[in-house]
């Protein structure tokens, strides 16, 4: 069993959590007989192959093989360690976890240590901001029209203009310089030692969707061309920039409630609209959205409004992002702000009402991209028509719906004043590029060829404890030739010996081997054997394995006899021959 959490506590948590309700919080499920079906959240697919069983309390994807119980789903979907998944579900189930023994308090994994260090750092910077040393930074934020309440809500802070203020603070908390460096909070000196990464900057703590402190962004107080306006934490074991969205922990409930999200770029671009009442908003941390960020958004809504500056870099970043949304089947609209304004300055100048009106009038993705391309290329010329059509057809080709494709081709032909036939001809030349995320997540290995008899016996043991007890009396784990299946059988037999009910979702807690977990979950979804045939099927399968055991033992004895003859070991040879003769006399099962 993973970790130090008592087995009975794990079972208690799982008994109070309905895996269907849990997974439905992340992806839409549709009834499929006794089970539920969905598009797999772990790889890109067009045909649903992700199954959830309310009876077995497990999930399995027949496309990529991801399988498990509620703990495994959270670990995979939220990128959690096992103890973190247990803690999250325990809270949901209203169960208080037992405290870990003090002697194990230093055995926290690296991720947990870094979360704690970042939280302490955020508290330090926040305290400095509200001290006399942070008066200038506090005045800067207030002058940017941030309220006292907002400053506190976002735990904004200030890094003092000293080389070792944070180092000294964290040392006082018995945190090593090595861990500070792993958290990206300090930098090494050329002549040895370390110094604070952030100095004389307003600090924006970055948290994940579960409000854990991941990293920091720092802004200079005055415009200084010799310094970068923003400095951000480097990537660390807990922080990969392209996997998170600033403000998601605060916005996720409002996103679900409104069923759409507004995406902006920077910290203040997020904070200013949020302060004025737009709660379903997140920031992409200053970069074009990544596949991971798109998937994070998709957990809460299918509808996105992207707001970008009018500068060239911002618009090009948007264009590169659009296809990611299409591939995920999401609806996207785009807002372009007047030149020289970002969401922060626009709201301060025009008020939140003007910003909300822009969002309401946002252009759909096709119109936005076409307008952008037409501003770059002269569509009155052949070369311009060709360039625009090539870019637009790449996007049109991403749509899964044939009707949508047809309508967009028709619209493109009208906009470019060309016939539809050449566009369809060009469209036919494209091969839909599979998104990189599929290659990253869909790592399908060739399935091991498990003996059908062994697989059927596993399924029957999962269905009825009485059948499992009978199989346990007549067979041993060694009778199963597949090593993974033999280990699984041994686990099931241990359950029986301890008087436990055999349930796939309980067995999953003991399976660290991904292939065994996949095997047991897939078996649970196989067609059931009819009640009238179960006894006969079990008897036949046991006979097959017993006979196979005898055949294999004969083969091994023959090989051992050959070796003994070669070595001239008469004593061993006689023993082996006697065993072989007795084995031959053994009647077939």
Protein backbone atom coordinates (compact mmCIF):
# COMPACT_ATOMS: atom_id res chain seq x y z
CA UNK A 1 0.00 0.00 0.00
CA UNK A 2 1.44 3.39 -0.95
CA UNK A 3 2.52 5.72 1.83
CA UNK A 4 1.81 5.52 5.55
CA UNK A 5 -1.96 6.04 5.43
CA UNK A 6 -3.84 3.13 7.04
CA UNK A 7 -5.60 0.83 4.62
CA UNK A 8 -8.95 1.14 6.39
CA UNK A 9 -8.80 4.93 5.99
CA UNK A 10 -8.20 4.60 2.24
CA UNK A 11 -11.13 2.22 1.89
CA UNK A 12 -13.34 4.53 3.97
CA UNK A 13 -12.51 7.46 1.68
CA UNK A 14 -13.20 5.47 -1.48
CA UNK A 15 -16.48 4.15 -0.08
CA UNK A 16 -17.75 7.72 0.35
CA UNK A 17 -16.63 8.97 -3.07
CA UNK A 18 -18.61 8.14 -6.20
CA UNK A 19 -16.06 7.99 -9.00
CA UNK A 20 -18.70 8.96 -11.57
CA UNK A 21 -19.48 12.20 -9.72
CA UNK A 22 -15.77 12.89 -9.24
CA UNK A 23 -14.80 12.46 -12.89
CA UNK A 24 -17.91 14.35 -14.04
CA UNK A 25 -16.44 17.42 -12.31
CA UNK A 26 -13.64 17.35 -14.88
CA UNK A 27 -15.13 15.95 -18.09
CA UNK A 28 -18.69 15.38 -19.42
CA UNK A 29 -19.81 11.75 -19.08
CA UNK A 30 -22.55 10.01 -21.07
CA UNK A 31 -24.43 6.90 -19.99
CA UNK A 32 -23.41 3.74 -21.89
CA UNK A 33 -25.44 0.85 -20.47
CA UNK A 34 -24.34 0.22 -16.89
CA UNK A 35 -21.24 2.38 -17.41
CA UNK A 36 -20.36 5.90 -18.54
CA UNK A 37 -18.31 6.93 -21.58
CA UNK A 38 -16.32 10.06 -22.47
CA UNK A 39 -13.49 11.40 -24.60
CA UNK A 40 -10.32 10.55 -22.71
CA UNK A 41 -8.84 13.53 -20.82
CA UNK A 42 -5.36 12.01 -21.06
CA UNK A 43 -4.91 11.83 -24.82
CA UNK A 44 -6.40 13.37 -27.95
CA UNK A 45 -9.15 11.27 -29.53
CA UNK A 46 -12.23 11.74 -31.66
CA UNK A 47 -14.13 8.62 -30.61
CA UNK A 48 -14.86 8.15 -26.88
CA UNK A 49 -12.88 5.24 -25.43
CA UNK A 50 -12.74 6.34 -21.78
CA UNK A 51 -15.04 4.23 -19.60
CA UNK A 52 -16.16 4.72 -15.99
CA UNK A 53 -17.82 1.95 -13.99
CA UNK A 54 -20.11 2.99 -11.11
CA UNK A 55 -20.38 -0.67 -10.04
CA UNK A 56 -16.63 -1.26 -9.89
CA UNK A 57 -15.69 2.35 -9.03
CA UNK A 58 -12.89 2.35 -11.61
CA UNK A 59 -12.05 3.96 -14.96
CA UNK A 60 -10.23 2.62 -17.99
CA UNK A 61 -9.31 4.10 -21.37
CA UNK A 62 -9.20 1.55 -24.16
CA UNK A 63 -7.17 4.01 -26.23
CA UNK A 64 -4.19 4.93 -24.03
CA UNK A 65 -4.61 2.37 -21.25
CA UNK A 66 -4.92 4.81 -18.33
CA UNK A 67 -6.75 3.00 -15.53
CA UNK A 68 -7.47 3.04 -11.82
CA UNK A 69 -9.71 4.20 -9.02
CA UNK A 70 -10.56 7.71 -7.76
CA UNK A 71 -7.09 8.20 -6.27
CA UNK A 72 -5.41 7.22 -9.55
CA UNK A 73 -7.63 9.58 -11.56
CA UNK A 74 -6.75 12.56 -9.39
CA UNK A 75 -3.05 11.68 -9.39
CA UNK A 76 -3.04 11.54 -13.19
CA UNK A 77 -5.36 14.47 -13.90
CA UNK A 78 -4.11 16.87 -11.22
CA UNK A 79 -0.48 15.65 -11.29
CA UNK A 80 -0.59 14.79 -7.60
CA UNK A 81 1.46 12.47 -5.44
CA UNK A 82 -0.53 9.69 -3.77
CA UNK A 83 -0.69 11.37 -0.32
CA UNK A 84 -1.91 14.59 -1.95
CA UNK A 85 -4.69 12.76 -3.81
CA UNK A 86 -5.71 11.04 -0.58
CA UNK A 87 -5.79 14.35 1.27
CA UNK A 88 -7.88 15.99 -1.46
CA UNK A 89 -10.47 13.20 -1.50
CA UNK A 90 -10.49 12.94 2.29
CA UNK A 91 -11.58 16.58 2.49
CA UNK A 92 -14.27 15.95 -0.11
CA UNK A 93 -15.46 12.90 1.85
CA UNK A 94 -15.37 14.73 5.19
CA UNK A 95 -12.76 12.41 6.66
CA UNK A 96 -9.95 13.60 8.94
CA UNK A 97 -6.66 11.90 8.14
CA UNK A 98 -4.52 10.63 11.03
CA UNK A 99 -1.43 12.72 11.69
CA UNK A 100 1.88 11.31 10.49
CA UNK A 101 4.35 10.36 13.25
CA UNK A 102 6.77 13.18 14.08
CA UNK A 103 9.77 11.05 13.20
CA UNK A 104 8.46 10.98 9.62
CA UNK A 105 7.95 14.76 9.36
CA UNK A 106 11.23 15.15 7.47
CA UNK A 107 10.29 12.52 4.90
CA UNK A 108 8.05 14.89 2.94
CA UNK A 109 8.77 14.64 -0.77
CA UNK A 110 10.54 17.43 -2.58
CA UNK A 111 7.35 18.86 -4.06
CA UNK A 112 5.72 19.25 -0.66
CA UNK A 113 8.85 20.92 0.71
CA UNK A 114 8.94 23.39 -2.18
CA UNK A 115 5.26 24.26 -1.77
CA UNK A 116 5.95 25.05 1.89
CA UNK A 117 9.06 27.11 1.13
CA UNK A 118 7.15 29.12 -1.47
CA UNK A 119 4.32 29.74 0.98
CA UNK A 120 6.76 30.99 3.62
CA UNK A 121 8.39 33.21 1.00
CA UNK A 122 5.05 34.68 -0.03
CA UNK A 123 4.27 35.45 3.62
CA UNK A 124 7.66 37.14 4.01
CA UNK A 125 7.25 39.36 0.94
CA UNK A 126 3.68 40.24 1.93
CA UNK A 127 4.77 41.25 5.42
CA UNK A 128 7.53 43.46 3.99
CA UNK A 129 5.04 45.21 1.68
CA UNK A 130 2.96 46.29 4.66
CA UNK A 131 6.02 47.44 6.65
CA UNK A 132 7.80 50.83 6.43
CA UNK A 133 10.36 49.19 4.10
CA UNK A 134 7.61 48.49 1.59
CA UNK A 135 5.97 51.92 1.70
CA UNK A 136 7.16 52.94 -1.78
CA UNK A 137 5.96 49.66 -3.31
CA UNK A 138 2.61 49.94 -1.51
CA UNK A 139 2.19 53.48 -2.84
CA UNK A 140 3.01 52.24 -6.36
CA UNK A 141 0.22 49.63 -6.19
CA UNK A 142 -2.30 52.08 -4.79
CA UNK A 143 -1.41 54.55 -7.56
CA UNK A 144 -2.19 51.75 -10.04
CA UNK A 145 -5.74 51.86 -8.61
CA UNK A 146 -5.43 48.60 -6.70
CA UNK A 147 -7.46 48.62 -3.51
CA UNK A 148 -6.16 47.58 -0.09
CA UNK A 149 -8.55 44.65 -0.22
CA UNK A 150 -7.23 43.51 -3.59
CA UNK A 151 -3.59 43.80 -2.47
CA UNK A 152 -4.37 41.55 0.48
CA UNK A 153 -6.57 39.13 -1.51
CA UNK A 154 -3.77 38.40 -3.97
CA UNK A 155 -1.13 38.35 -1.21
CA UNK A 156 0.99 40.84 -3.15
CA UNK A 157 4.37 41.56 -1.63
CA UNK A 158 7.66 43.40 -1.93
CA UNK A 159 11.21 42.07 -2.19
CA UNK A 160 13.56 44.42 -0.27
CA UNK A 161 16.45 46.07 -2.06
CA UNK A 162 18.96 43.82 -0.27
CA UNK A 163 21.01 40.83 -1.41
CA UNK A 164 20.15 38.43 1.39
CA UNK A 165 16.89 39.43 3.06
CA UNK A 166 15.00 36.31 1.95
CA UNK A 167 18.02 34.07 2.55
CA UNK A 168 18.27 35.23 6.15
CA UNK A 169 14.54 34.80 6.69
CA UNK A 170 14.43 31.26 5.31
CA UNK A 171 17.60 30.28 7.18
CA UNK A 172 15.76 31.28 10.33
CA UNK A 173 13.16 28.67 9.35
CA UNK A 174 15.88 25.98 9.08
CA UNK A 175 15.62 25.85 5.29
CA UNK A 176 18.80 24.94 3.44
CA UNK A 177 20.32 27.00 0.63
CA UNK A 178 20.04 23.90 -1.56
CA UNK A 179 16.26 23.87 -1.21
CA UNK A 180 16.08 27.62 -1.76
CA UNK A 181 17.95 27.12 -5.02
CA UNK A 182 15.66 24.25 -6.06
CA UNK A 183 12.70 26.58 -5.45
CA UNK A 184 14.30 29.17 -7.75
CA UNK A 185 14.45 31.79 -4.98
CA UNK A 186 18.22 32.34 -4.91
CA UNK A 187 21.05 32.53 -7.41
CA UNK A 188 24.66 31.34 -6.99
CA UNK A 189 27.49 33.90 -6.82
CA UNK A 190 30.51 33.52 -9.08
CA UNK A 191 32.84 33.40 -6.08
CA UNK A 192 30.65 31.10 -4.00
CA UNK A 193 27.52 31.57 -1.92
CA UNK A 194 24.07 32.78 -3.00
CA UNK A 195 21.98 35.94 -3.26
CA UNK A 196 18.23 36.67 -3.50
CA UNK A 197 16.77 36.37 -6.99
CA UNK A 198 14.14 39.08 -6.39
CA UNK A 199 15.27 42.48 -5.12
CA UNK A 200 13.45 45.82 -5.06
CA UNK A 201 10.43 44.47 -6.92
CA UNK A 202 6.70 44.19 -6.32
CA UNK A 203 6.00 40.48 -5.92
CA UNK A 204 3.08 38.56 -7.46
CA UNK A 205 2.79 35.04 -5.97
CA UNK A 206 1.79 32.41 -8.53
CA UNK A 207 -0.48 29.62 -7.26
CA UNK A 208 -1.96 26.57 -8.94
CA UNK A 209 -5.64 25.65 -9.18
CA UNK A 210 -5.42 24.18 -5.67
CA UNK A 211 -3.96 27.42 -4.22
CA UNK A 212 -0.49 25.93 -3.67
CA UNK A 213 2.33 28.44 -4.02
CA UNK A 214 4.41 27.56 -7.09
CA UNK A 215 6.51 30.56 -8.06
CA UNK A 216 6.75 34.36 -8.18
CA UNK A 217 6.72 37.25 -10.59
CA UNK A 218 8.50 40.49 -9.74
CA UNK A 219 7.94 43.95 -11.29
CA UNK A 220 10.26 46.92 -11.01
CA UNK A 221 8.77 50.04 -9.41
CA UNK A 222 9.85 52.49 -12.10
CA UNK A 223 10.55 52.28 -15.79
CA UNK A 224 14.24 51.43 -16.19
CA UNK A 225 15.53 50.36 -19.58
CA UNK A 226 18.57 48.76 -17.98
CA UNK A 227 16.33 46.32 -16.10
CA UNK A 228 13.69 43.91 -17.32
CA UNK A 229 10.24 45.15 -16.34
CA UNK A 230 9.28 41.69 -15.10
CA UNK A 231 11.37 38.92 -13.61
CA UNK A 232 9.83 35.49 -13.07
CA UNK A 233 10.80 32.37 -11.19
CA UNK A 234 12.56 29.74 -13.28
CA UNK A 235 10.92 26.36 -13.84
CA UNK A 236 11.27 24.07 -10.84
CA UNK A 237 10.05 20.59 -9.86
CA UNK A 238 6.69 22.17 -8.92
CA UNK A 239 6.50 24.94 -11.51
CA UNK A 240 6.33 24.49 -15.26
CA UNK A 241 5.18 27.79 -16.72
CA UNK A 242 3.12 26.31 -19.55
CA UNK A 243 1.01 24.17 -17.21
CA UNK A 244 -0.57 26.86 -15.07
CA UNK A 245 -2.74 29.94 -15.38
CA UNK A 246 -2.49 32.90 -13.02
CA UNK A 247 -5.63 33.31 -10.93
CA UNK A 248 -7.21 29.94 -11.74
CA UNK A 249 -7.57 29.09 -8.04
CA UNK A 250 -9.72 32.20 -7.54
CA UNK A 251 -11.57 32.07 -10.85
CA UNK A 252 -12.47 28.39 -11.36
CA UNK A 253 -15.84 28.51 -9.58
CA UNK A 254 -16.93 31.62 -11.49
CA UNK A 255 -15.74 30.03 -14.76
CA UNK A 256 -17.95 27.00 -14.13
CA UNK A 257 -20.89 29.20 -13.10
CA UNK A 258 -20.65 31.50 -16.16
CA UNK A 259 -19.52 28.71 -18.50
CA UNK A 260 -16.86 30.84 -20.14
CA UNK A 261 -13.45 32.25 -19.28
CA UNK A 262 -11.68 35.46 -20.24
CA UNK A 263 -7.96 34.96 -20.88
CA UNK A 264 -5.51 37.87 -20.61
CA UNK A 265 -1.71 38.03 -20.50
CA UNK A 266 -0.23 39.64 -17.40
CA UNK A 267 -0.70 39.88 -13.65
CA UNK A 268 -2.26 43.36 -13.55
CA UNK A 269 -4.28 42.59 -16.69
CA UNK A 270 -5.93 39.91 -14.57
CA UNK A 271 -6.11 41.73 -11.24
CA UNK A 272 -7.71 44.97 -12.45
CA UNK A 273 -10.79 43.39 -14.14
CA UNK A 274 -11.09 40.91 -11.26
CA UNK A 275 -11.11 43.75 -8.74
CA UNK A 276 -13.97 45.37 -10.65
CA UNK A 277 -16.16 42.26 -10.62
CA UNK A 278 -15.06 40.11 -13.58
CA UNK A 279 -14.32 36.92 -11.67
CA UNK A 280 -14.19 34.38 -14.53
CA UNK A 281 -10.80 35.53 -15.78
CA UNK A 282 -7.25 34.07 -15.84
CA UNK A 283 -3.85 35.16 -17.16
CA UNK A 284 -1.46 33.20 -19.35
CA UNK A 285 1.63 34.59 -17.63
CA UNK A 286 2.67 36.62 -20.64
CA UNK A 287 3.00 33.85 -23.23
CA UNK A 288 0.91 32.25 -25.92
CA UNK A 289 -1.23 29.49 -24.45
CA UNK A 290 0.15 25.96 -24.37
CA UNK A 291 -1.64 22.65 -24.85
CA UNK A 292 -1.53 22.00 -21.09
CA UNK A 293 -3.11 25.37 -20.35
CA UNK A 294 -5.85 24.76 -22.92
CA UNK A 295 -6.59 21.41 -21.28
CA UNK A 296 -6.65 23.09 -17.86
CA UNK A 297 -9.27 25.55 -19.12
CA UNK A 298 -11.28 22.71 -20.66
CA UNK A 299 -11.73 21.18 -17.22
CA UNK A 300 -13.96 24.12 -16.29
CA UNK A 301 -15.53 25.33 -19.56
CA UNK A 302 -15.60 24.84 -23.33
CA UNK A 303 -15.94 28.59 -24.03
CA UNK A 304 -13.04 31.04 -24.16
CA UNK A 305 -12.70 34.76 -24.83
CA UNK A 306 -9.09 35.78 -25.39
CA UNK A 307 -8.09 39.41 -24.85
CA UNK A 308 -4.80 40.66 -26.24
CA UNK A 309 -2.98 43.91 -26.86
CA UNK A 310 -3.18 45.37 -30.33
CA UNK A 311 0.59 45.02 -30.83
CA UNK A 312 1.91 42.69 -33.49
CA UNK A 313 3.50 40.20 -31.07
CA UNK A 314 0.26 39.74 -29.18
CA UNK A 315 -1.78 39.08 -32.29
CA UNK A 316 0.70 36.58 -33.69
CA UNK A 317 0.73 34.72 -30.39
CA UNK A 318 -3.06 34.55 -30.57
CA UNK A 319 -2.99 33.13 -34.09
CA UNK A 320 -0.57 30.41 -33.03
CA UNK A 321 -2.88 29.48 -30.16
CA UNK A 322 -6.17 29.26 -32.01
CA UNK A 323 -5.72 25.79 -33.47
CA UNK A 324 -5.14 24.31 -30.01
CA UNK A 325 -8.68 25.26 -29.02
CA UNK A 326 -10.14 23.83 -32.21
CA UNK A 327 -8.36 20.53 -31.69
CA UNK A 328 -9.92 20.33 -28.24
CA UNK A 329 -13.38 21.07 -29.64
CA UNK A 330 -13.71 24.39 -27.80
CA UNK A 331 -15.48 27.63 -28.75
CA UNK A 332 -13.16 30.65 -28.94
CA UNK A 333 -13.74 34.37 -29.39
CA UNK A 334 -11.15 37.12 -29.60
CA UNK A 335 -11.06 40.69 -28.28
CA UNK A 336 -8.53 43.17 -29.67
CA UNK A 337 -8.05 46.30 -27.59
CA UNK A 338 -7.18 49.73 -29.00
CA UNK A 339 -3.51 50.26 -29.73
CA UNK A 340 -1.48 51.16 -26.66
CA UNK A 341 -3.99 49.72 -24.19
CA UNK A 342 -3.92 46.46 -22.27
CA UNK A 343 -6.77 45.13 -20.08
CA UNK A 344 -5.32 46.86 -17.01
CA UNK A 345 -5.09 50.32 -18.62
CA UNK A 346 -8.32 49.85 -20.60
CA UNK A 347 -10.36 49.17 -17.44
CA UNK A 348 -8.73 52.11 -15.62
CA UNK A 349 -9.49 54.40 -18.56
CA UNK A 350 -12.91 53.14 -19.74
CA UNK A 351 -14.27 51.29 -16.72
CA UNK A 352 -15.30 47.66 -16.41
CA UNK A 353 -18.50 48.29 -18.39
CA UNK A 354 -16.50 49.17 -21.49
CA UNK A 355 -14.38 46.07 -21.03
CA UNK A 356 -17.43 43.83 -20.63
CA UNK A 357 -18.93 45.33 -23.79
CA UNK A 358 -15.76 44.45 -25.71
CA UNK A 359 -16.07 40.89 -24.44
CA UNK A 360 -19.73 40.75 -25.46
CA UNK A 361 -18.82 41.89 -28.99
CA UNK A 362 -15.81 39.56 -29.32
CA UNK A 363 -15.18 38.17 -32.80
CA UNK A 364 -15.37 34.46 -33.42
CA UNK A 365 -12.09 32.75 -34.15
CA UNK A 366 -12.63 32.44 -37.91
CA UNK A 367 -13.47 36.12 -38.39
CA UNK A 368 -10.61 37.26 -36.16
CA UNK A 369 -7.96 35.23 -37.92
CA UNK A 370 -9.24 36.10 -41.38
CA UNK A 371 -9.32 39.81 -40.52
CA UNK A 372 -5.82 39.62 -39.12
CA UNK A 373 -4.46 37.87 -42.21
CA UNK A 374 -6.23 40.27 -44.58
CA UNK A 375 -4.51 43.16 -42.81
CA UNK A 376 -1.16 41.51 -43.52
CA UNK A 377 -1.69 40.34 -47.11
CA UNK A 378 -3.25 42.03 -50.15
CA UNK A 379 -6.08 39.69 -51.16
CA UNK A 380 -6.52 41.54 -54.42
CA UNK A 381 -3.31 39.89 -55.57
CA UNK A 382 -2.92 36.19 -56.35
CA UNK A 383 -0.07 35.76 -53.87
CA UNK A 384 -2.14 37.36 -51.10
CA UNK A 385 -5.12 35.10 -51.80
CA UNK A 386 -2.84 32.04 -51.73
CA UNK A 387 -1.19 32.97 -48.43
CA UNK A 388 -4.46 33.79 -46.68
CA UNK A 389 -6.22 30.69 -47.99
CA UNK A 390 -3.34 28.43 -46.93
CA UNK A 391 -3.41 29.77 -43.37
CA UNK A 392 -7.20 29.65 -43.11
CA UNK A 393 -7.46 26.14 -44.55
CA UNK A 394 -5.01 24.89 -41.93
CA UNK A 395 -7.44 26.15 -39.32
CA UNK A 396 -10.58 24.94 -41.11
CA UNK A 397 -9.07 21.48 -41.36
CA UNK A 398 -8.96 21.26 -37.56
CA UNK A 399 -12.74 21.36 -37.25
CA UNK A 400 -14.19 17.90 -36.63
CA UNK A 401 -17.70 18.73 -37.82
CA UNK A 402 -18.15 18.34 -41.59
CA UNK A 403 -20.93 20.94 -41.71
CA UNK A 404 -18.71 23.51 -39.98
CA UNK A 405 -15.92 22.80 -42.46
CA UNK A 406 -18.26 23.22 -45.39
CA UNK A 407 -19.67 26.52 -44.13
CA UNK A 408 -16.21 27.95 -43.41
CA UNK A 409 -14.93 26.96 -46.85
CA UNK A 410 -17.95 28.69 -48.38
CA UNK A 411 -17.34 31.81 -46.29
CA UNK A 412 -13.63 31.86 -47.16
CA UNK A 413 -14.42 31.60 -50.87
CA UNK A 414 -16.73 34.60 -50.60
CA UNK A 415 -14.18 36.67 -48.67
CA UNK A 416 -11.39 35.94 -51.18
CA UNK A 417 -13.65 36.09 -54.25
CA UNK A 418 -12.60 32.64 -55.42
CA UNK A 419 -14.54 29.47 -56.26
CA UNK A 420 -15.05 26.81 -53.58
CA UNK A 421 -13.68 23.94 -55.70
CA UNK A 422 -10.01 25.06 -55.57
CA UNK A 423 -10.28 25.54 -51.79
CA UNK A 424 -11.66 22.01 -51.37
CA UNK A 425 -8.88 20.73 -53.59
CA UNK A 426 -6.26 22.45 -51.40
CA UNK A 427 -8.01 21.26 -48.25
CA UNK A 428 -7.76 17.69 -49.50
CA UNK A 429 -3.97 18.01 -49.59
CA UNK A 430 -3.75 18.63 -45.87
CA UNK A 431 -3.25 15.82 -43.45
CA UNK A 432 -4.56 16.67 -40.04
CA UNK A 433 -1.52 17.12 -37.85
CA UNK A 434 -2.03 15.27 -34.59
CA UNK A 435 -1.37 17.64 -31.69
CA UNK A 436 1.88 17.20 -29.79
CA UNK A 437 -0.10 16.48 -26.66
CA UNK A 438 -1.17 13.17 -28.15
CA UNK A 439 2.43 12.09 -28.55
CA UNK A 440 3.23 13.27 -25.05
CA UNK A 441 0.35 11.60 -23.24
CA UNK A 442 -0.56 8.71 -25.51
CA UNK A 443 2.42 6.46 -24.95
CA UNK A 444 0.88 3.15 -25.96
CA UNK A 445 3.04 0.09 -25.54
CA UNK A 446 2.25 -3.11 -27.34
CA UNK A 447 -0.06 -5.06 -25.06
CA UNK A 448 1.47 -8.15 -23.53
CA UNK A 449 -0.16 -11.32 -24.80
CA UNK A 450 -1.88 -12.70 -21.71
CA UNK A 451 -3.21 -16.25 -21.92
CA UNK A 452 -7.02 -15.93 -22.49
CA UNK A 453 -7.65 -18.61 -19.83
CA UNK A 454 -5.69 -16.66 -17.22
CA UNK A 455 -7.45 -13.44 -18.18
CA UNK A 456 -10.87 -15.09 -17.89
CA UNK A 457 -10.07 -16.47 -14.44
CA UNK A 458 -9.05 -13.01 -13.24
CA UNK A 459 -12.35 -11.60 -14.48
CA UNK A 460 -14.32 -14.33 -12.70
CA UNK A 461 -12.43 -13.74 -9.45
CA UNK A 462 -13.29 -10.04 -9.68
CA UNK A 463 -16.96 -10.83 -10.17
CA UNK A 464 -17.57 -13.27 -7.32
CA UNK A 465 -15.62 -13.90 -4.13
CA UNK A 466 -16.99 -17.47 -3.99
CA UNK A 467 -15.47 -18.28 -7.37
CA UNK A 468 -12.22 -16.67 -6.25
CA UNK A 469 -12.14 -18.89 -3.16
CA UNK A 470 -12.64 -22.01 -5.27
CA UNK A 471 -9.84 -20.97 -7.64
CA UNK A 472 -7.63 -20.27 -4.62
CA UNK A 473 -8.21 -23.83 -3.34
CA UNK A 474 -7.28 -25.50 -6.61
CA UNK A 475 -4.58 -23.28 -8.09
CA UNK A 476 -1.47 -21.41 -6.98
CA UNK A 477 -0.11 -18.09 -8.30
CA UNK A 478 2.74 -20.07 -9.90
CA UNK A 479 0.18 -21.84 -12.11
CA UNK A 480 -0.29 -18.55 -13.96
CA UNK A 481 2.47 -18.20 -16.53
CA UNK A 482 2.32 -14.41 -16.96
CA UNK A 483 4.40 -12.87 -14.15
CA UNK A 484 2.16 -9.82 -13.83
CA UNK A 485 -0.97 -11.98 -13.65
CA UNK A 486 0.72 -14.25 -11.09
CA UNK A 487 1.44 -11.23 -8.85
CA UNK A 488 -2.15 -10.07 -9.25
CA UNK A 489 -3.47 -13.54 -8.36
CA UNK A 490 -1.22 -13.56 -5.29
CA UNK A 491 -2.71 -10.21 -4.22
CA UNK A 492 -6.27 -11.52 -4.69
CA UNK A 493 -5.46 -14.67 -2.69
CA UNK A 494 -4.05 -12.48 0.11
CA UNK A 495 -7.31 -10.52 0.14
CA UNK A 496 -9.24 -13.78 0.54
CA UNK A 497 -7.00 -15.01 3.36
CA UNK A 498 -7.60 -11.74 5.22
CA UNK A 499 -11.37 -12.00 4.70
CA UNK A 500 -11.52 -8.91 2.47
CA UNK A 501 -14.05 -8.33 -0.30
CA UNK A 502 -12.36 -8.34 -3.69
CA UNK A 503 -13.06 -5.04 -5.46
CA UNK A 504 -11.01 -3.62 -8.36
CA UNK A 505 -10.97 -0.14 -6.79
CA UNK A 506 -9.46 -1.58 -3.59
CA UNK A 507 -6.89 -3.71 -5.43
CA UNK A 508 -5.82 -0.59 -7.35
CA UNK A 509 -4.31 0.87 -4.15
CA UNK A 510 -1.82 -2.01 -4.07
CA UNK A 511 -0.82 -1.94 -7.74
CA UNK A 512 2.17 0.24 -8.59
CA UNK A 513 2.69 -1.70 -11.83
CA UNK A 514 0.83 0.26 -14.51
CA UNK A 515 0.37 -2.81 -16.72
CA UNK A 516 -1.26 -4.81 -13.92
CA UNK A 517 -3.55 -1.89 -13.08
CA UNK A 518 -4.51 -1.58 -16.73
CA UNK A 519 -5.08 -5.33 -16.96
CA UNK A 520 -7.39 -5.54 -13.95
CA UNK A 521 -9.46 -2.50 -14.98
CA UNK A 522 -9.79 -3.66 -18.57
CA UNK A 523 -10.87 -7.12 -17.36
CA UNK A 524 -13.61 -5.53 -15.28
CA UNK A 525 -15.12 -3.98 -18.43
CA UNK A 526 -15.05 -7.25 -20.44
CA UNK A 527 -18.37 -8.92 -21.22
CA UNK A 528 -19.75 -10.82 -18.26
CA UNK A 529 -20.06 -14.60 -18.23
CA UNK A 530 -23.66 -15.77 -17.84
CA UNK A 531 -24.57 -17.11 -14.40
CA UNK A 532 -25.50 -20.59 -15.68
CA UNK A 533 -22.11 -20.99 -17.34
CA UNK A 534 -19.82 -19.64 -14.63
CA UNK A 535 -19.26 -22.90 -12.73
CA UNK A 536 -18.51 -24.83 -15.91
CA UNK A 537 -16.21 -22.09 -17.24
CA UNK A 538 -14.25 -22.01 -13.97
CA UNK A 539 -13.88 -25.80 -13.99
CA UNK A 540 -12.69 -25.79 -17.60
CA UNK A 541 -10.18 -22.98 -16.97
CA UNK A 542 -8.78 -24.72 -13.89
CA UNK A 543 -8.34 -27.94 -15.89
CA UNK A 544 -6.52 -26.06 -18.65
CA UNK A 545 -4.06 -24.46 -16.22
CA UNK A 546 -3.48 -27.68 -14.30
CA UNK A 547 -2.75 -29.59 -17.49
CA UNK A 548 -0.50 -26.76 -18.65
CA UNK A 549 1.33 -26.96 -15.32
CA UNK A 550 2.00 -30.69 -15.83
CA UNK A 551 3.16 -30.18 -19.41
CA UNK A 552 5.56 -27.41 -18.42
CA UNK A 553 6.89 -29.44 -15.49
CA UNK A 554 7.57 -32.37 -17.84
CA UNK A 555 9.44 -30.07 -20.19
CA UNK A 556 11.54 -28.70 -17.35
CA UNK A 557 12.30 -32.21 -16.02
CA UNK A 558 13.38 -33.36 -19.47
CA UNK A 559 15.80 -30.44 -19.68
CA UNK A 560 17.12 -31.10 -16.15
CA UNK A 561 17.57 -34.82 -16.97
CA UNK A 562 19.54 -33.92 -20.11
CA UNK A 563 21.86 -31.68 -18.06
CA UNK A 564 22.29 -34.33 -15.33
CA UNK A 565 23.22 -36.94 -17.95
CA UNK A 566 25.77 -34.56 -19.46
CA UNK A 567 27.35 -33.94 -16.03
CA UNK A 568 27.29 -37.63 -15.05
CA UNK A 569 25.36 -36.87 -11.84
CA UNK A 570 23.80 -40.33 -11.28
CA UNK A 571 22.15 -39.51 -7.94
CA UNK A 572 20.33 -36.47 -9.27
CA UNK A 573 19.54 -38.30 -12.52
CA UNK A 574 17.73 -41.10 -10.67
CA UNK A 575 15.72 -38.60 -8.61
CA UNK A 576 14.67 -36.68 -11.72
CA UNK A 577 13.71 -39.87 -13.59
CA UNK A 578 11.52 -41.04 -10.68
CA UNK A 579 9.73 -37.68 -10.62
CA UNK A 580 9.27 -37.79 -14.38
CA UNK A 581 7.75 -41.27 -14.24
CA UNK A 582 5.33 -40.25 -11.49
CA UNK A 583 4.36 -37.18 -13.49
CA UNK A 584 3.59 -39.31 -16.55
CA UNK A 585 1.31 -41.51 -14.45
CA UNK A 586 -0.59 -38.44 -13.19
CA UNK A 587 -3.99 -38.40 -14.91
CA UNK A 588 -4.93 -35.28 -16.85
CA UNK A 589 -7.24 -32.87 -15.02
